[in-house]
């Protein structure tokens, strides 16, 4: 990640956590792991509401190079994180979702049901991970080594690449 510490927002998507009736174990674990990897982490919480998710991610993309959401990637009607993000993402990065699901399948075949994804909004990398603590941390671990290069590439003005051609 170079000399400067990269910033990251961990955003928990959960009705229970946003109401204060459930502890944010997934967000806490992700924040600890990202901090250990050298990221300056801030945290937020939103309910399982597409408008709230979009507003929080839209605001974060103005200042954060990395936004990591946890929750809302399952199959229930309240799991709307992927749909909410579709309107914000300039493009998706399919390989991230594939790698995250493959890593999860080592623990449970149910990982194939996850709608985890990654994409880019402007110059911000957005990851949507499962809401369970185990699924969230497994998914992050699966892509953690890819993050520095992805963030460096997104921050680059590509003039270096043009000069190499």
C-alpha atoms as a PDB file:
ATOM      1  CA  UNK A   1       0.000   0.000   0.000  1.00  0.00           C
ATOM      2  CA  UNK A   2       2.967   2.280  -0.187  1.00  0.00           C
ATOM      3  CA  UNK A   3       3.855   4.855   2.408  1.00  0.00           C
ATOM      4  CA  UNK A   4       0.415   6.323   3.039  1.00  0.00           C
ATOM      5  CA  UNK A   5      -2.121   4.292   4.955  1.00  0.00           C
ATOM      6  CA  UNK A   6      -5.215   3.572   2.838  1.00  0.00           C
ATOM      7  CA  UNK A   7      -8.569   4.480   4.316  1.00  0.00           C
ATOM      8  CA  UNK A   8     -11.521   2.115   4.441  1.00  0.00           C
ATOM      9  CA  UNK A   9     -15.115   2.325   5.610  1.00  0.00           C
ATOM     10  CA  UNK A  10     -16.737  -0.800   7.042  1.00  0.00           C
ATOM     11  CA  UNK A  11     -20.492  -0.372   6.652  1.00  0.00           C
ATOM     12  CA  UNK A  12     -22.763  -2.862   8.410  1.00  0.00           C
ATOM     13  CA  UNK A  13     -26.133  -3.365   6.750  1.00  0.00           C
ATOM     14  CA  UNK A  14     -28.502  -4.671   9.417  1.00  0.00           C
ATOM     15  CA  UNK A  15     -31.898  -3.765  10.796  1.00  0.00           C
ATOM     16  CA  UNK A  16     -30.995  -5.293  14.176  1.00  0.00           C
ATOM     17  CA  UNK A  17     -27.639  -3.548  14.510  1.00  0.00           C
ATOM     18  CA  UNK A  18     -29.075  -0.217  13.352  1.00  0.00           C
ATOM     19  CA  UNK A  19     -31.851  -0.523  16.004  1.00  0.00           C
ATOM     20  CA  UNK A  20     -29.341  -1.501  18.684  1.00  0.00           C
ATOM     21  CA  UNK A  21     -30.907  -4.921  19.285  1.00  0.00           C
ATOM     22  CA  UNK A  22     -27.982  -6.901  17.889  1.00  0.00           C
ATOM     23  CA  UNK A  23     -24.224  -6.611  18.329  1.00  0.00           C
ATOM     24  CA  UNK A  24     -22.171  -5.797  15.230  1.00  0.00           C
ATOM     25  CA  UNK A  25     -19.825  -8.783  15.283  1.00  0.00           C
ATOM     26  CA  UNK A  26     -19.178  -8.827  11.535  1.00  0.00           C
ATOM     27  CA  UNK A  27     -18.323  -5.139  11.272  1.00  0.00           C
ATOM     28  CA  UNK A  28     -16.055  -5.416  14.302  1.00  0.00           C
ATOM     29  CA  UNK A  29     -14.177  -8.410  12.881  1.00  0.00           C
ATOM     30  CA  UNK A  30     -13.728  -6.766   9.494  1.00  0.00           C
ATOM     31  CA  UNK A  31     -12.463  -3.558  11.107  1.00  0.00           C
ATOM     32  CA  UNK A  32      -9.907  -5.496  13.182  1.00  0.00           C
ATOM     33  CA  UNK A  33      -8.663  -7.434  10.143  1.00  0.00           C
ATOM     34  CA  UNK A  34      -8.424  -4.386   7.891  1.00  0.00           C
ATOM     35  CA  UNK A  35      -6.634  -2.411  10.622  1.00  0.00           C
ATOM     36  CA  UNK A  36      -4.142  -5.266  11.015  1.00  0.00           C
ATOM     37  CA  UNK A  37      -3.594  -5.142   7.245  1.00  0.00           C
ATOM     38  CA  UNK A  38      -2.666  -1.452   7.485  1.00  0.00           C
ATOM     39  CA  UNK A  39      -5.927   0.332   6.668  1.00  0.00           C
ATOM     40  CA  UNK A  40      -7.258   3.344   8.577  1.00  0.00           C
ATOM     41  CA  UNK A  41     -10.777   2.081   9.282  1.00  0.00           C
ATOM     42  CA  UNK A  42     -13.938   3.965  10.075  1.00  0.00           C
ATOM     43  CA  UNK A  43     -17.283   2.266  10.674  1.00  0.00           C
ATOM     44  CA  UNK A  44     -20.940   2.887   9.997  1.00  0.00           C
ATOM     45  CA  UNK A  45     -24.289   1.140  10.240  1.00  0.00           C
ATOM     46  CA  UNK A  46     -27.410   1.354   8.082  1.00  0.00           C
ATOM     47  CA  UNK A  47     -30.668  -0.618   8.109  1.00  0.00           C
ATOM     48  CA  UNK A  48     -31.557  -3.109   5.377  1.00  0.00           C
ATOM     49  CA  UNK A  49     -33.022  -0.349   3.258  1.00  0.00           C
ATOM     50  CA  UNK A  50     -31.873   0.288  -0.328  1.00  0.00           C
ATOM     51  CA  UNK A  51     -32.155   4.084  -0.032  1.00  0.00           C
ATOM     52  CA  UNK A  52     -30.133   4.125   3.203  1.00  0.00           C
ATOM     53  CA  UNK A  53     -27.502   1.825   1.708  1.00  0.00           C
ATOM     54  CA  UNK A  54     -27.174   3.944  -1.431  1.00  0.00           C
ATOM     55  CA  UNK A  55     -26.967   7.199   0.546  1.00  0.00           C
ATOM     56  CA  UNK A  56     -24.236   5.870   2.840  1.00  0.00           C
ATOM     57  CA  UNK A  57     -22.184   4.376   0.007  1.00  0.00           C
ATOM     58  CA  UNK A  58     -22.623   7.461  -2.191  1.00  0.00           C
ATOM     59  CA  UNK A  59     -21.351   9.677   0.649  1.00  0.00           C
ATOM     60  CA  UNK A  60     -18.431   7.336   1.376  1.00  0.00           C
ATOM     61  CA  UNK A  61     -17.246   7.238  -2.226  1.00  0.00           C
ATOM     62  CA  UNK A  62     -16.438  10.947  -2.043  1.00  0.00           C
ATOM     63  CA  UNK A  63     -13.744  10.329   0.595  1.00  0.00           C
ATOM     64  CA  UNK A  64     -12.959   6.615   0.893  1.00  0.00           C
ATOM     65  CA  UNK A  65     -10.944   4.535  -1.569  1.00  0.00           C
ATOM     66  CA  UNK A  66     -12.402   1.326  -0.081  1.00  0.00           C
ATOM     67  CA  UNK A  67     -15.936   0.653   1.171  1.00  0.00           C
ATOM     68  CA  UNK A  68     -16.627  -2.780   2.664  1.00  0.00           C
ATOM     69  CA  UNK A  69     -20.255  -3.623   3.367  1.00  0.00           C
ATOM     70  CA  UNK A  70     -21.306  -6.584   5.477  1.00  0.00           C
ATOM     71  CA  UNK A  71     -24.869  -7.866   5.351  1.00  0.00           C
ATOM     72  CA  UNK A  72     -27.773  -7.961   2.977  1.00  0.00           C
ATOM     73  CA  UNK A  73     -26.264 -10.423   0.475  1.00  0.00           C
ATOM     74  CA  UNK A  74     -28.527 -13.366   1.268  1.00  0.00           C
ATOM     75  CA  UNK A  75     -31.818 -14.465  -0.237  1.00  0.00           C
ATOM     76  CA  UNK A  76     -34.458 -12.939   2.049  1.00  0.00           C
ATOM     77  CA  UNK A  77     -36.640 -10.071   0.824  1.00  0.00           C
ATOM     78  CA  UNK A  78     -34.792  -7.698   3.216  1.00  0.00           C
ATOM     79  CA  UNK A  79     -31.404  -8.634   1.679  1.00  0.00           C
ATOM     80  CA  UNK A  80     -31.118  -5.804  -0.834  1.00  0.00           C
ATOM     81  CA  UNK A  81     -27.464  -4.768  -0.697  1.00  0.00           C
ATOM     82  CA  UNK A  82     -26.590  -6.040  -4.206  1.00  0.00           C
ATOM     83  CA  UNK A  83     -29.647  -4.347  -5.742  1.00  0.00           C
ATOM     84  CA  UNK A  84     -28.903  -1.096  -3.924  1.00  0.00           C
ATOM     85  CA  UNK A  85     -25.308  -1.109  -5.156  1.00  0.00           C
ATOM     86  CA  UNK A  86     -26.156  -1.811  -8.799  1.00  0.00           C
ATOM     87  CA  UNK A  87     -27.328   1.774  -9.300  1.00  0.00           C
ATOM     88  CA  UNK A  88     -24.070   3.142  -7.852  1.00  0.00           C
ATOM     89  CA  UNK A  89     -21.448   0.923  -9.440  1.00  0.00           C
ATOM     90  CA  UNK A  90     -19.787   1.975 -12.669  1.00  0.00           C
ATOM     91  CA  UNK A  91     -18.873  -1.671 -13.181  1.00  0.00           C
ATOM     92  CA  UNK A  92     -18.664  -4.944 -11.323  1.00  0.00           C
ATOM     93  CA  UNK A  93     -15.530  -7.050 -10.748  1.00  0.00           C
ATOM     94  CA  UNK A  94     -16.880 -10.610 -11.109  1.00  0.00           C
ATOM     95  CA  UNK A  95     -13.651 -12.321 -10.027  1.00  0.00           C
ATOM     96  CA  UNK A  96     -13.962 -10.982  -6.492  1.00  0.00           C
ATOM     97  CA  UNK A  97     -17.399 -12.545  -5.979  1.00  0.00           C
ATOM     98  CA  UNK A  98     -16.187 -15.810  -7.491  1.00  0.00           C
ATOM     99  CA  UNK A  99     -13.159 -15.956  -5.200  1.00  0.00           C
ATOM    100  CA  UNK A 100     -15.213 -15.078  -2.112  1.00  0.00           C
ATOM    101  CA  UNK A 101     -17.811 -17.788  -2.805  1.00  0.00           C
ATOM    102  CA  UNK A 102     -15.104 -20.358  -3.571  1.00  0.00           C
ATOM    103  CA  UNK A 103     -13.406 -19.608  -0.239  1.00  0.00           C
ATOM    104  CA  UNK A 104     -16.710 -19.902   1.596  1.00  0.00           C
ATOM    105  CA  UNK A 105     -17.484 -23.263  -0.008  1.00  0.00           C
ATOM    106  CA  UNK A 106     -14.480 -24.697   1.831  1.00  0.00           C
ATOM    107  CA  UNK A 107     -16.535 -24.199   5.018  1.00  0.00           C
ATOM    108  CA  UNK A 108     -20.089 -24.697   3.748  1.00  0.00           C
ATOM    109  CA  UNK A 109     -21.796 -25.463   0.457  1.00  0.00           C
ATOM    110  CA  UNK A 110     -24.301 -22.734   1.353  1.00  0.00           C
ATOM    111  CA  UNK A 111     -21.678 -20.117   0.419  1.00  0.00           C
ATOM    112  CA  UNK A 112     -22.827 -20.609  -3.179  1.00  0.00           C
ATOM    113  CA  UNK A 113     -26.063 -18.846  -2.217  1.00  0.00           C
ATOM    114  CA  UNK A 114     -24.224 -15.655  -1.275  1.00  0.00           C
ATOM    115  CA  UNK A 115     -24.680 -12.675  -3.572  1.00  0.00           C
ATOM    116  CA  UNK A 116     -21.367 -11.137  -2.499  1.00  0.00           C
ATOM    117  CA  UNK A 117     -19.892  -8.823  -5.072  1.00  0.00           C
ATOM    118  CA  UNK A 118     -17.312  -6.187  -5.758  1.00  0.00           C
ATOM    119  CA  UNK A 119     -17.381  -3.215  -8.031  1.00  0.00           C
ATOM    120  CA  UNK A 120     -16.127   0.272  -8.672  1.00  0.00           C
ATOM    121  CA  UNK A 121     -17.864   3.575  -8.122  1.00  0.00           C
ATOM    122  CA  UNK A 122     -15.711   6.419  -9.421  1.00  0.00           C
ATOM    123  CA  UNK A 123     -12.311   5.561  -7.969  1.00  0.00           C
ATOM    124  CA  UNK A 124     -13.707   3.679  -4.959  1.00  0.00           C
ATOM    125  CA  UNK A 125     -13.587  -0.089  -4.621  1.00  0.00           C
ATOM    126  CA  UNK A 126     -16.840  -1.373  -3.086  1.00  0.00           C
ATOM    127  CA  UNK A 127     -17.089  -4.858  -1.573  1.00  0.00           C
ATOM    128  CA  UNK A 128     -20.375  -6.419  -0.432  1.00  0.00           C
ATOM    129  CA  UNK A 129     -19.718  -9.315   1.946  1.00  0.00           C
ATOM    130  CA  UNK A 130     -22.031 -11.674   3.840  1.00  0.00           C
ATOM    131  CA  UNK A 131     -23.474 -10.568   7.160  1.00  0.00           C
ATOM    132  CA  UNK A 132     -22.380 -13.549   9.231  1.00  0.00           C
ATOM    133  CA  UNK A 133     -19.097 -13.018  11.079  1.00  0.00           C
ATOM    134  CA  UNK A 134     -17.566 -16.169   9.590  1.00  0.00           C
ATOM    135  CA  UNK A 135     -18.760 -15.468   6.053  1.00  0.00           C
ATOM    136  CA  UNK A 136     -17.642 -11.849   6.219  1.00  0.00           C
ATOM    137  CA  UNK A 137     -14.137 -12.615   7.438  1.00  0.00           C
ATOM    138  CA  UNK A 138     -13.675 -15.570   5.052  1.00  0.00           C
ATOM    139  CA  UNK A 139     -14.741 -13.398   2.153  1.00  0.00           C
ATOM    140  CA  UNK A 140     -12.423 -10.566   3.132  1.00  0.00           C
ATOM    141  CA  UNK A 141      -9.492 -12.949   3.597  1.00  0.00           C
ATOM    142  CA  UNK A 142     -10.156 -14.364   0.127  1.00  0.00           C
ATOM    143  CA  UNK A 143      -9.578 -10.981  -1.533  1.00  0.00           C
ATOM    144  CA  UNK A 144      -7.346  -9.173   0.963  1.00  0.00           C
ATOM    145  CA  UNK A 145      -4.154  -9.718  -1.063  1.00  0.00           C
ATOM    146  CA  UNK A 146      -5.855  -8.265  -4.161  1.00  0.00           C
ATOM    147  CA  UNK A 147      -6.855  -4.995  -2.482  1.00  0.00           C
ATOM    148  CA  UNK A 148      -3.543  -3.097  -2.629  1.00  0.00           C
ATOM    149  CA  UNK A 149      -3.173  -3.594  -6.383  1.00  0.00           C
ATOM    150  CA  UNK A 150      -6.851  -2.849  -7.041  1.00  0.00           C
ATOM    151  CA  UNK A 151      -6.704   0.358  -4.987  1.00  0.00           C
ATOM    152  CA  UNK A 152      -3.428   1.431  -6.595  1.00  0.00           C
ATOM    153  CA  UNK A 153      -4.877   0.844 -10.048  1.00  0.00           C
ATOM    154  CA  UNK A 154      -8.030   2.828  -9.228  1.00  0.00           C
ATOM    155  CA  UNK A 155      -6.009   5.724  -7.813  1.00  0.00           C
ATOM    156  CA  UNK A 156      -3.688   5.826 -10.846  1.00  0.00           C
ATOM    157  CA  UNK A 157      -4.438   8.410 -13.535  1.00  0.00           C
ATOM    158  CA  UNK A 158      -3.318   5.774 -16.099  1.00  0.00           C
ATOM    159  CA  UNK A 159      -0.766   8.101 -17.660  1.00  0.00           C
ATOM    160  CA  UNK A 160       1.911   5.613 -16.605  1.00  0.00           C
ATOM    161  CA  UNK A 161       0.112   2.832 -18.504  1.00  0.00           C
ATOM    162  CA  UNK A 162      -0.219   4.993 -21.630  1.00  0.00           C
ATOM    163  CA  UNK A 163       3.524   5.727 -21.561  1.00  0.00           C
ATOM    164  CA  UNK A 164       4.319   1.997 -21.361  1.00  0.00           C
ATOM    165  CA  UNK A 165       2.492   1.192 -24.614  1.00  0.00           C
END
